[in-house]
Amino acid sequence: MRHSIRLERACAAPPALVYDILIDVERWPEWLSGARSAGWEKSDTSGTRVGAIRRIVVSGLIMREEILVDDRPHHHAYRIVSGIPVTDHRADVHIREQAGGSLIVWRARFRSRIPLAGPLMWLLLRASMPRMAADLARGAERRAS
């Protein structure tokens, strides 16, 4: 069974700044609640982050995510490679310009690797994604001021 989550968060910072905060993984612990460390495990030096793997230690979990889309400043997409028992995961972060700043639209789809655990994984992501979007918006707004 496929699960999905979608949320929106307004931000007073422009899209380019929001995107730059999002892609600057090494500085995630400065704005992301619970992040102990973050960095690039595998990175391409050709100017795009597509195919790069980022590693984040957050709330006791070690998450590895592969970048699928790096279209600054409006679209960032990734998939969870490891860290939680999901498969067929894809998350898209769209950053749209709007009056007074931007609108962050975060959407994720996935399947559970563990039979019958899909609703639990959905609850885990449903709890963490709004916090991540709010933290991203606050981090961008602080940097903008």
Foldseek 3Di string as FASTA:
>chain_A
DKDKDKDKDDFLAALQLLQVLVVPFQCCVVQAPQWPGKDWPAADPPPFRQQTWMWTCGPNWTWIKGWHDDDPRFKTKIATPDGAQWPPKMKMWGWADDPSHTMTMIMMMIHGNDPPCVVVVVVVCNVRVVSRVVSSRVVSNVVVD
